Amino acid sequence: MKKLLIAAMVAVSLAGCANMGGGSGPQRTVGQAVDDVTIGTRLKAALVADPDLSALKINVDTTQGAVRLRGEVKTMALRRKAEDLARRIEGVRSVDNQLIITG
């Protein structure tokens, strides 16, 4: 419950900043910003729950349903696993897996 409350607070904070861009780049609605925060929060929670993946070493960026994974994993299997987790999150339209294998 506490995690859900924190996620909601982050979503509201980011939603308030969604249209504060300097006019460059695509404009997002508050709903889109909240959706992106929800996707990112759910994916981070899935990474934290997975004993094989380090949520601290994987950065998740979400824009209009497109997820970008950056960071480090130890094997190709873990790289694929992180991507599969991302693809299973509701609302994800695409995944750009930029994870580096550190072996």
PDB file of N, CA and C in Angstrom:
ATOM      1  N   MET A   1       0.824  -1.191   0.000  1.00  0.00           N
ATOM      2  CA  MET A   1       0.000   0.000   0.000  1.00  0.00           C
ATOM      3  C   MET A   1       0.868   1.256   0.000  1.00  0.00           C
ATOM      4  N   LYS A   2       1.954   1.198   0.794  1.00  0.00           N
ATOM      5  CA  LYS A   2       2.840   2.352   0.896  1.00  0.00           C
ATOM      6  C   LYS A   2       3.509   2.635  -0.447  1.00  0.00           C
ATOM      7  N   LYS A   3       3.929   1.549  -1.151  1.00  0.00           N
ATOM      8  CA  LYS A   3       4.562   1.713  -2.465  1.00  0.00           C
ATOM      9  C   LYS A   3       3.583   2.311  -3.464  1.00  0.00           C
ATOM     10  N   LEU A   4       2.333   1.891  -3.390  1.00  0.00           N
ATOM     11  CA  LEU A   4       1.310   2.417  -4.292  1.00  0.00           C
ATOM     12  C   LEU A   4       1.097   3.904  -4.049  1.00  0.00           C
ATOM     13  N   LEU A   5       1.079   4.303  -2.786  1.00  0.00           N
ATOM     14  CA  LEU A   5       0.916   5.704  -2.437  1.00  0.00           C
ATOM     15  C   LEU A   5       2.092   6.529  -2.953  1.00  0.00           C
ATOM     16  N   ILE A   6       3.299   6.017  -2.792  1.00  0.00           N
ATOM     17  CA  ILE A   6       4.485   6.723  -3.287  1.00  0.00           C
ATOM     18  C   ILE A   6       4.430   6.841  -4.804  1.00  0.00           C
ATOM     19  N   ALA A   7       4.061   5.757  -5.480  1.00  0.00           N
ATOM     20  CA  ALA A   7       3.956   5.781  -6.941  1.00  0.00           C
ATOM     21  C   ALA A   7       2.921   6.806  -7.396  1.00  0.00           C
ATOM     22  N   ALA A   8       1.814   6.875  -6.678  1.00  0.00           N
ATOM     23  CA  ALA A   8       0.771   7.838  -7.037  1.00  0.00           C
ATOM     24  C   ALA A   8       1.267   9.260  -6.845  1.00  0.00           C
ATOM     25  N   MET A   9       2.005   9.497  -5.773  1.00  0.00           N
ATOM     26  CA  MET A   9       2.537  10.839  -5.521  1.00  0.00           C
ATOM     27  C   MET A   9       3.535  11.240  -6.605  1.00  0.00           C
ATOM     28  N   VAL A  10       4.375  10.299  -7.010  1.00  0.00           N
ATOM     29  CA  VAL A  10       5.330  10.584  -8.082  1.00  0.00           C
ATOM     30  C   VAL A  10       4.587  10.871  -9.378  1.00  0.00           C
ATOM     31  N   ALA A  11       3.561  10.085  -9.650  1.00  0.00           N
ATOM     32  CA  ALA A  11       2.782  10.278 -10.869  1.00  0.00           C
ATOM     33  C   ALA A  11       2.141  11.659 -10.901  1.00  0.00           C
ATOM     34  N   VAL A  12       1.578  12.069  -9.798  1.00  0.00           N
ATOM     35  CA  VAL A  12       0.938  13.383  -9.732  1.00  0.00           C
ATOM     36  C   VAL A  12       1.980  14.488  -9.893  1.00  0.00           C
ATOM     37  N   SER A  13       3.126  14.320  -9.269  1.00  0.00           N
ATOM     38  CA  SER A  13       4.194  15.319  -9.387  1.00  0.00           C
ATOM     39  C   SER A  13       4.659  15.455 -10.826  1.00  0.00           C
ATOM     40  N   LEU A  14       4.901  14.324 -11.464  1.00  0.00           N
ATOM     41  CA  LEU A  14       5.356  14.364 -12.853  1.00  0.00           C
ATOM     42  C   LEU A  14       4.265  14.845 -13.795  1.00  0.00           C
ATOM     43  N   ALA A  15       3.041  14.497 -13.500  1.00  0.00           N
ATOM     44  CA  ALA A  15       1.945  14.939 -14.352  1.00  0.00           C
ATOM     45  C   ALA A  15       1.832  16.455 -14.334  1.00  0.00           C
ATOM     46  N   GLY A  16       2.102  17.058 -13.201  1.00  0.00           N
ATOM     47  CA  GLY A  16       2.058  18.513 -13.107  1.00  0.00           C
ATOM     48  C   GLY A  16       3.129  19.179 -13.934  1.00  0.00           C
ATOM     49  N   CYS A  17       4.214  18.467 -14.176  1.00  0.00           N
ATOM     50  CA  CYS A  17       5.328  19.014 -14.962  1.00  0.00           C
ATOM     51  C   CYS A  17       5.252  18.606 -16.431  1.00  0.00           C
ATOM     52  N   ALA A  18       4.279  17.825 -16.793  1.00  0.00           N
ATOM     53  CA  ALA A  18       4.225  17.246 -18.132  1.00  0.00           C
ATOM     54  C   ALA A  18       4.203  18.283 -19.243  1.00  0.00           C
ATOM     55  N   ASN A  19       3.517  19.376 -19.048  1.00  0.00           N
ATOM     56  CA  ASN A  19       3.392  20.376 -20.100  1.00  0.00           C
ATOM     57  C   ASN A  19       4.256  21.604 -19.851  1.00  0.00           C
ATOM     58  N   MET A  20       5.270  21.464 -19.036  1.00  0.00           N
ATOM     59  CA  MET A  20       6.123  22.590 -18.727  1.00  0.00           C
ATOM     60  C   MET A  20       7.339  22.660 -19.652  1.00  0.00           C
ATOM     61  N   GLY A  21       7.357  21.843 -20.697  1.00  0.00           N
ATOM     62  CA  GLY A  21       8.484  21.836 -21.624  1.00  0.00           C
ATOM     63  C   GLY A  21       8.652  23.190 -22.279  1.00  0.00           C
ATOM     64  N   GLY A  22       9.843  23.442 -22.762  1.00  0.00           N
ATOM     65  CA  GLY A  22      10.154  24.726 -23.366  1.00  0.00           C
ATOM     66  C   GLY A  22       9.684  24.832 -24.798  1.00  0.00           C
ATOM     67  N   GLY A  23       8.724  24.046 -25.188  1.00  0.00           N
ATOM     68  CA  GLY A  23       8.203  24.124 -26.544  1.00  0.00           C
ATOM     69  C   GLY A  23       8.920  23.185 -27.499  1.00  0.00           C
ATOM     70  N   SER A  24       9.978  22.542 -27.054  1.00  0.00           N
ATOM     71  CA  SER A  24      10.673  21.607 -27.929  1.00  0.00           C
ATOM     72  C   SER A  24      10.202  20.196 -27.630  1.00  0.00           C
ATOM     73  N   GLY A  25      10.168  19.364 -28.650  1.00  0.00           N
ATOM     74  CA  GLY A  25       9.738  17.989 -28.464  1.00  0.00           C
ATOM     75  C   GLY A  25       8.223  17.892 -28.457  1.00  0.00           C
ATOM     76  N   PRO A  26       7.729  16.642 -28.495  1.00  0.00           N
ATOM     77  CA  PRO A  26       6.282  16.440 -28.515  1.00  0.00           C
ATOM     78  C   PRO A  26       5.649  16.803 -27.184  1.00  0.00           C
ATOM     79  N   GLN A  27       4.478  17.420 -27.242  1.00  0.00           N
ATOM     80  CA  GLN A  27       3.739  17.760 -26.034  1.00  0.00           C
ATOM     81  C   GLN A  27       2.966  16.525 -25.579  1.00  0.00           C
ATOM     82  N   ARG A  28       2.988  16.277 -24.267  1.00  0.00           N
ATOM     83  CA  ARG A  28       2.274  15.141 -23.709  1.00  0.00           C
ATOM     84  C   ARG A  28       1.156  15.644 -22.825  1.00  0.00           C
ATOM     85  N   THR A  29       0.087  14.891 -22.804  1.00  0.00           N
ATOM     86  CA  THR A  29      -1.010  15.233 -21.909  1.00  0.00           C
ATOM     87  C   THR A  29      -0.676  14.734 -20.509  1.00  0.00           C
ATOM     88  N   VAL A  30      -1.424  15.194 -19.545  1.00  0.00           N
ATOM     89  CA  VAL A  30      -1.243  14.728 -18.175  1.00  0.00           C
ATOM     90  C   VAL A  30      -1.486  13.226 -18.111  1.00  0.00           C
ATOM     91  N   GLY A  31      -2.476  12.762 -18.829  1.00  0.00           N
ATOM     92  CA  GLY A  31      -2.778  11.326 -18.849  1.00  0.00           C
ATOM     93  C   GLY A  31      -1.627  10.500 -19.375  1.00  0.00           C
ATOM     94  N   GLN A  32      -0.973  10.992 -20.431  1.00  0.00           N
ATOM     95  CA  GLN A  32       0.171  10.267 -20.984  1.00  0.00           C
ATOM     96  C   GLN A  32       1.317  10.229 -19.984  1.00  0.00           C
ATOM     97  N   ALA A  33       1.553  11.328 -19.303  1.00  0.00           N
ATOM     98  CA  ALA A  33       2.624  11.367 -18.309  1.00  0.00           C
ATOM     99  C   ALA A  33       2.342  10.393 -17.169  1.00  0.00           C
ATOM    100  N   VAL A  34       1.097  10.335 -16.722  1.00  0.00           N
ATOM    101  CA  VAL A  34       0.726   9.412 -15.656  1.00  0.00           C
ATOM    102  C   VAL A  34       0.879   7.975 -16.143  1.00  0.00           C
ATOM    103  N   ASP A  35       0.461   7.685 -17.369  1.00  0.00           N
ATOM    104  CA  ASP A  35       0.620   6.347 -17.928  1.00  0.00           C
ATOM    105  C   ASP A  35       2.093   5.947 -17.964  1.00  0.00           C
ATOM    106  N   ASP A  36       2.960   6.853 -18.385  1.00  0.00           N
ATOM    107  CA  ASP A  36       4.386   6.562 -18.445  1.00  0.00           C
ATOM    108  C   ASP A  36       4.964   6.304 -17.061  1.00  0.00           C
ATOM    109  N   VAL A  37       4.549   7.084 -16.085  1.00  0.00           N
ATOM    110  CA  VAL A  37       5.019   6.879 -14.711  1.00  0.00           C
ATOM    111  C   VAL A  37       4.530   5.537 -14.190  1.00  0.00           C
ATOM    112  N   THR A  38       3.292   5.191 -14.499  1.00  0.00           N
ATOM    113  CA  THR A  38       2.737   3.906 -14.066  1.00  0.00           C
ATOM    114  C   THR A  38       3.519   2.756 -14.679  1.00  0.00           C
ATOM    115  N   ILE A  39       3.812   2.836 -15.969  1.00  0.00           N
ATOM    116  CA  ILE A  39       4.594   1.792 -16.642  1.00  0.00           C
ATOM    117  C   ILE A  39       5.966   1.672 -15.982  1.00  0.00           C
ATOM    118  N   GLY A  40       6.632   2.799 -15.788  1.00  0.00           N
ATOM    119  CA  GLY A  40       7.956   2.779 -15.184  1.00  0.00           C
ATOM    120  C   GLY A  40       7.940   2.213 -13.774  1.00  0.00           C
ATOM    121  N   THR A  41       6.932   2.586 -12.995  1.00  0.00           N
ATOM    122  CA  THR A  41       6.817   2.101 -11.618  1.00  0.00           C
ATOM    123  C   THR A  41       6.568   0.599 -11.587  1.00  0.00           C
ATOM    124  N   ARG A  42       5.687   0.131 -12.453  1.00  0.00           N
ATOM    125  CA  ARG A  42       5.398  -1.315 -12.490  1.00  0.00           C
ATOM    126  C   ARG A  42       6.625  -2.112 -12.936  1.00  0.00           C
ATOM    127  N   LEU A  43       7.351  -1.581 -13.911  1.00  0.00           N
ATOM    128  CA  LEU A  43       8.534  -2.285 -14.380  1.00  0.00           C
ATOM    129  C   LEU A  43       9.620  -2.296 -13.303  1.00  0.00           C
ATOM    130  N   LYS A  44       9.830  -1.171 -12.637  1.00  0.00           N
ATOM    131  CA  LYS A  44      10.826  -1.136 -11.565  1.00  0.00           C
ATOM    132  C   LYS A  44      10.444  -2.109 -10.452  1.00  0.00           C
ATOM    133  N   ALA A  45       9.160  -2.182 -10.125  1.00  0.00           N
ATOM    134  CA  ALA A  45       8.706  -3.124  -9.090  1.00  0.00           C
ATOM    135  C   ALA A  45       8.980  -4.568  -9.526  1.00  0.00           C
ATOM    136  N   ALA A  46       8.760  -4.871 -10.803  1.00  0.00           N
ATOM    137  CA  ALA A  46       9.033  -6.212 -11.320  1.00  0.00           C
ATOM    138  C   ALA A  46      10.528  -6.522 -11.257  1.00  0.00           C
ATOM    139  N   LEU A  47      11.366  -5.526 -11.552  1.00  0.00           N
ATOM    140  CA  LEU A  47      12.816  -5.724 -11.482  1.00  0.00           C
ATOM    141  C   LEU A  47      13.269  -5.944 -10.039  1.00  0.00           C
ATOM    142  N   VAL A  48      12.684  -5.196  -9.105  1.00  0.00           N
ATOM    143  CA  VAL A  48      13.018  -5.354  -7.687  1.00  0.00           C
ATOM    144  C   VAL A  48      12.610  -6.742  -7.198  1.00  0.00           C
ATOM    145  N   ALA A  49      11.465  -7.229  -7.667  1.00  0.00           N
ATOM    146  CA  ALA A  49      10.947  -8.523  -7.229  1.00  0.00           C
ATOM    147  C   ALA A  49      11.727  -9.693  -7.812  1.00  0.00           C
ATOM    148  N   ASP A  50      12.466  -9.467  -8.882  1.00  0.00           N
ATOM    149  CA  ASP A  50      13.200 -10.552  -9.533  1.00  0.00           C
ATOM    150  C   ASP A  50      14.562 -10.731  -8.862  1.00  0.00           C
ATOM    151  N   PRO A  51      14.840 -11.911  -8.310  1.00  0.00           N
ATOM    152  CA  PRO A  51      16.102 -12.110  -7.591  1.00  0.00           C
ATOM    153  C   PRO A  51      17.337 -12.132  -8.504  1.00  0.00           C
ATOM    154  N   ASP A  52      17.141 -12.348  -9.795  1.00  0.00           N
ATOM    155  CA  ASP A  52      18.272 -12.437 -10.725  1.00  0.00           C
ATOM    156  C   ASP A  52      18.696 -11.083 -11.287  1.00  0.00           C
ATOM    157  N   LEU A  53      17.794 -10.119 -11.266  1.00  0.00           N
ATOM    158  CA  LEU A  53      18.078  -8.815 -11.862  1.00  0.00           C
ATOM    159  C   LEU A  53      18.307  -7.768 -10.783  1.00  0.00           C
ATOM    160  N   SER A  54      19.204  -6.835 -11.058  1.00  0.00           N
ATOM    161  CA  SER A  54      19.474  -5.757 -10.112  1.00  0.00           C
ATOM    162  C   SER A  54      18.764  -4.491 -10.577  1.00  0.00           C
ATOM    163  N   ALA A  55      17.715  -4.125  -9.860  1.00  0.00           N
ATOM    164  CA  ALA A  55      16.965  -2.917 -10.209  1.00  0.00           C
ATOM    165  C   ALA A  55      17.841  -1.673 -10.070  1.00  0.00           C
ATOM    166  N   LEU A  56      18.861  -1.752  -9.248  1.00  0.00           N
ATOM    167  CA  LEU A  56      19.754  -0.608  -9.058  1.00  0.00           C
ATOM    168  C   LEU A  56      20.675  -0.392 -10.253  1.00  0.00           C
ATOM    169  N   LYS A  57      20.880  -1.436 -11.041  1.00  0.00           N
ATOM    170  CA  LYS A  57      21.784  -1.326 -12.193  1.00  0.00           C
ATOM    171  C   LYS A  57      21.046  -1.170 -13.518  1.00  0.00           C
ATOM    172  N   ILE A  58      19.717  -1.147 -13.469  1.00  0.00           N
ATOM    173  CA  ILE A  58      18.925  -1.007 -14.688  1.00  0.00           C
ATOM    174  C   ILE A  58      18.109   0.269 -14.611  1.00  0.00           C
ATOM    175  N   ASN A  59      18.346   1.159 -15.573  1.00  0.00           N
ATOM    176  CA  ASN A  59      17.626   2.419 -15.654  1.00  0.00           C
ATOM    177  C   ASN A  59      16.448   2.243 -16.606  1.00  0.00           C
ATOM    178  N   VAL A  60      15.280   2.717 -16.197  1.00  0.00           N
ATOM    179  CA  VAL A  60      14.064   2.598 -17.007  1.00  0.00           C
ATOM    180  C   VAL A  60      13.577   4.004 -17.359  1.00  0.00           C
ATOM    181  N   ASP A  61      13.479   4.285 -18.661  1.00  0.00           N
ATOM    182  CA  ASP A  61      12.893   5.538 -19.150  1.00  0.00           C
ATOM    183  C   ASP A  61      11.677   5.183 -19.986  1.00  0.00           C
ATOM    184  N   THR A  62      10.576   5.895 -19.773  1.00  0.00           N
ATOM    185  CA  THR A  62       9.350   5.629 -20.526  1.00  0.00           C
ATOM    186  C   THR A  62       8.803   6.930 -21.090  1.00  0.00           C
ATOM    187  N   THR A  63       8.552   6.930 -22.397  1.00  0.00           N
ATOM    188  CA  THR A  63       7.949   8.075 -23.070  1.00  0.00           C
ATOM    189  C   THR A  63       6.900   7.571 -24.041  1.00  0.00           C
ATOM    190  N   GLN A  64       5.672   7.967 -23.815  1.00  0.00           N
ATOM    191  CA  GLN A  64       4.534   7.578 -24.653  1.00  0.00           C
ATOM    192  C   GLN A  64       4.474   6.070 -24.882  1.00  0.00           C
ATOM    193  N   GLY A  65       4.726   5.316 -23.823  1.00  0.00           N
ATOM    194  CA  GLY A  65       4.635   3.858 -23.880  1.00  0.00           C
ATOM    195  C   GLY A  65       5.876   3.173 -24.410  1.00  0.00           C
ATOM    196  N   ALA A  66       6.856   3.924 -24.876  1.00  0.00           N
ATOM    197  CA  ALA A  66       8.114   3.356 -25.359  1.00  0.00           C
ATOM    198  C   ALA A  66       9.087   3.291 -24.180  1.00  0.00           C
ATOM    199  N   VAL A  67       9.552   2.093 -23.875  1.00  0.00           N
ATOM    200  CA  VAL A  67      10.443   1.881 -22.739  1.00  0.00           C
ATOM    201  C   VAL A  67      11.874   1.732 -23.243  1.00  0.00           C
ATOM    202  N   ARG A  68      12.807   2.419 -22.557  1.00  0.00           N
ATOM    203  CA  ARG A  68      14.231   2.260 -22.860  1.00  0.00           C
ATOM    204  C   ARG A  68      14.905   1.730 -21.604  1.00  0.00           C
ATOM    205  N   LEU A  69      15.602   0.600 -21.761  1.00  0.00           N
ATOM    206  CA  LEU A  69      16.351  -0.004 -20.672  1.00  0.00           C
ATOM    207  C   LEU A  69      17.828   0.292 -20.880  1.00  0.00           C
ATOM    208  N   ARG A  70      18.472   0.855 -19.866  1.00  0.00           N
ATOM    209  CA  ARG A  70      19.911   1.117 -19.922  1.00  0.00           C
ATOM    210  C   ARG A  70      20.539   0.634 -18.631  1.00  0.00           C
ATOM    211  N   GLY A  71      21.789   0.236 -18.718  1.00  0.00           N
ATOM    212  CA  GLY A  71      22.495  -0.225 -17.532  1.00  0.00           C
ATOM    213  C   GLY A  71      23.259  -1.489 -17.820  1.00  0.00           C
ATOM    214  N   GLU A  72      23.460  -2.290 -16.770  1.00  0.00           N
ATOM    215  CA  GLU A  72      24.290  -3.479 -16.871  1.00  0.00           C
ATOM    216  C   GLU A  72      23.578  -4.721 -16.346  1.00  0.00           C
ATOM    217  N   VAL A  73      23.826  -5.826 -17.039  1.00  0.00           N
ATOM    218  CA  VAL A  73      23.406  -7.148 -16.578  1.00  0.00           C
ATOM    219  C   VAL A  73      24.579  -8.093 -16.798  1.00  0.00           C
ATOM    220  N   LYS A  74      24.534  -9.266 -16.158  1.00  0.00           N
ATOM    221  CA  LYS A  74      25.684 -10.180 -16.221  1.00  0.00           C
ATOM    222  C   LYS A  74      25.674 -11.117 -17.419  1.00  0.00           C
ATOM    223  N   THR A  75      24.491 -11.431 -17.952  1.00  0.00           N
ATOM    224  CA  THR A  75      24.429 -12.404 -19.052  1.00  0.00           C
ATOM    225  C   THR A  75      23.395 -11.977 -20.098  1.00  0.00           C
ATOM    226  N   MET A  76      23.488 -12.616 -21.266  1.00  0.00           N
ATOM    227  CA  MET A  76      22.514 -12.374 -22.326  1.00  0.00           C
ATOM    228  C   MET A  76      21.123 -12.835 -21.873  1.00  0.00           C
ATOM    229  N   ALA A  77      21.079 -13.921 -21.108  1.00  0.00           N
ATOM    230  CA  ALA A  77      19.787 -14.423 -20.615  1.00  0.00           C
ATOM    231  C   ALA A  77      19.115 -13.380 -19.721  1.00  0.00           C
ATOM    232  N   LEU A  78      19.891 -12.695 -18.876  1.00  0.00           N
ATOM    233  CA  LEU A  78      19.316 -11.664 -18.011  1.00  0.00           C
ATOM    234  C   LEU A  78      18.908 -10.438 -18.820  1.00  0.00           C
ATOM    235  N   ARG A  79      19.629 -10.152 -19.881  1.00  0.00           N
ATOM    236  CA  ARG A  79      19.264  -9.040 -20.777  1.00  0.00           C
ATOM    237  C   ARG A  79      17.891  -9.315 -21.389  1.00  0.00           C
ATOM    238  N   ARG A  80      17.712 -10.547 -21.869  1.00  0.00           N
ATOM    239  CA  ARG A  80      16.427 -10.946 -22.457  1.00  0.00           C
ATOM    240  C   ARG A  80      15.319 -10.948 -21.408  1.00  0.00           C
ATOM    241  N   LYS A  81      15.652 -11.406 -20.199  1.00  0.00           N
ATOM    242  CA  LYS A  81      14.665 -11.473 -19.128  1.00  0.00           C
ATOM    243  C   LYS A  81      14.136 -10.080 -18.781  1.00  0.00           C
ATOM    244  N   ALA A  82      15.035  -9.105 -18.698  1.00  0.00           N
ATOM    245  CA  ALA A  82      14.618  -7.731 -18.402  1.00  0.00           C
ATOM    246  C   ALA A  82      13.716  -7.195 -19.505  1.00  0.00           C
ATOM    247  N   GLU A  83      14.062  -7.485 -20.748  1.00  0.00           N
ATOM    248  CA  GLU A  83      13.242  -7.035 -21.870  1.00  0.00           C
ATOM    249  C   GLU A  83      11.870  -7.701 -21.847  1.00  0.00           C
ATOM    250  N   ASP A  84      11.847  -8.992 -21.554  1.00  0.00           N
ATOM    251  CA  ASP A  84      10.569  -9.709 -21.469  1.00  0.00           C
ATOM    252  C   ASP A  84       9.680  -9.143 -20.357  1.00  0.00           C
ATOM    253  N   LEU A  85      10.295  -8.818 -19.212  1.00  0.00           N
ATOM    254  CA  LEU A  85       9.525  -8.197 -18.127  1.00  0.00           C
ATOM    255  C   LEU A  85       8.896  -6.889 -18.599  1.00  0.00           C
ATOM    256  N   ALA A  86       9.671  -6.097 -19.320  1.00  0.00           N
ATOM    257  CA  ALA A  86       9.170  -4.813 -19.811  1.00  0.00           C
ATOM    258  C   ALA A  86       8.014  -5.019 -20.788  1.00  0.00           C
ATOM    259  N   ARG A  87       8.152  -5.960 -21.687  1.00  0.00           N
ATOM    260  CA  ARG A  87       7.110  -6.199 -22.700  1.00  0.00           C
ATOM    261  C   ARG A  87       5.800  -6.665 -22.081  1.00  0.00           C
ATOM    262  N   ARG A  88       5.866  -7.299 -20.907  1.00  0.00           N
ATOM    263  CA  ARG A  88       4.650  -7.808 -20.256  1.00  0.00           C
ATOM    264  C   ARG A  88       3.874  -6.738 -19.484  1.00  0.00           C
ATOM    265  N   ILE A  89       4.457  -5.569 -19.311  1.00  0.00           N
ATOM    266  CA  ILE A  89       3.772  -4.508 -18.577  1.00  0.00           C
ATOM    267  C   ILE A  89       2.692  -3.892 -19.465  1.00  0.00           C
ATOM    268  N   GLU A  90       1.494  -3.787 -18.922  1.00  0.00           N
ATOM    269  CA  GLU A  90       0.376  -3.208 -19.669  1.00  0.00           C
ATOM    270  C   GLU A  90       0.700  -1.768 -20.072  1.00  0.00           C
ATOM    271  N   GLY A  91       0.467  -1.454 -21.342  1.00  0.00           N
ATOM    272  CA  GLY A  91       0.695  -0.106 -21.844  1.00  0.00           C
ATOM    273  C   GLY A  91       2.010   0.065 -22.588  1.00  0.00           C
ATOM    274  N   VAL A  92       2.905  -0.913 -22.486  1.00  0.00           N
ATOM    275  CA  VAL A  92       4.189  -0.822 -23.181  1.00  0.00           C
ATOM    276  C   VAL A  92       3.967  -1.063 -24.668  1.00  0.00           C
ATOM    277  N   ARG A  93       4.416  -0.111 -25.476  1.00  0.00           N
ATOM    278  CA  ARG A  93       4.263  -0.217 -26.931  1.00  0.00           C
ATOM    279  C   ARG A  93       5.516  -0.736 -27.605  1.00  0.00           C
ATOM    280  N   SER A  94       6.682  -0.404 -27.036  1.00  0.00           N
ATOM    281  CA  SER A  94       7.945  -0.878 -27.595  1.00  0.00           C
ATOM    282  C   SER A  94       9.002  -0.868 -26.499  1.00  0.00           C
ATOM    283  N   VAL A  95      10.063  -1.668 -26.722  1.00  0.00           N
ATOM    284  CA  VAL A  95      11.168  -1.729 -25.769  1.00  0.00           C
ATOM    285  C   VAL A  95      12.471  -1.577 -26.531  1.00  0.00           C
ATOM    286  N   ASP A  96      13.261  -0.578 -26.130  1.00  0.00           N
ATOM    287  CA  ASP A  96      14.594  -0.354 -26.675  1.00  0.00           C
ATOM    288  C   ASP A  96      15.577  -0.847 -25.620  1.00  0.00           C
ATOM    289  N   ASN A  97      16.115  -2.041 -25.837  1.00  0.00           N
ATOM    290  CA  ASN A  97      16.984  -2.671 -24.847  1.00  0.00           C
ATOM    291  C   ASN A  97      18.435  -2.278 -25.108  1.00  0.00           C
ATOM    292  N   GLN A  98      18.952  -1.354 -24.301  1.00  0.00           N
ATOM    293  CA  GLN A  98      20.333  -0.899 -24.417  1.00  0.00           C
ATOM    294  C   GLN A  98      21.193  -1.438 -23.269  1.00  0.00           C
ATOM    295  N   LEU A  99      20.753  -2.517 -22.647  1.00  0.00           N
ATOM    296  CA  LEU A  99      21.503  -3.091 -21.544  1.00  0.00           C
ATOM    297  C   LEU A  99      22.821  -3.680 -22.036  1.00  0.00           C
ATOM    298  N   ILE A 100      23.880  -3.470 -21.263  1.00  0.00           N
ATOM    299  CA  ILE A 100      25.211  -3.946 -21.605  1.00  0.00           C
ATOM    300  C   ILE A 100      25.508  -5.186 -20.761  1.00  0.00           C
ATOM    301  N   ILE A 101      26.073  -6.190 -21.414  1.00  0.00           N
ATOM    302  CA  ILE A 101      26.445  -7.423 -20.707  1.00  0.00           C
ATOM    303  C   ILE A 101      27.860  -7.255 -20.175  1.00  0.00           C
ATOM    304  N   THR A 102      27.996  -7.387 -18.854  1.00  0.00           N
ATOM    305  CA  THR A 102      29.292  -7.189 -18.222  1.00  0.00           C
ATOM    306  C   THR A 102      30.000  -8.506 -17.907  1.00  0.00           C
ATOM    307  N   GLY A 103      29.310  -9.615 -18.129  1.00  0.00           N
ATOM    308  CA  GLY A 103      29.885 -10.930 -18.019  1.00  0.00           C
ATOM    309  C   GLY A 103      30.287 -11.352 -16.693  1.00  0.00           C
TER     310      GLY A 103
END
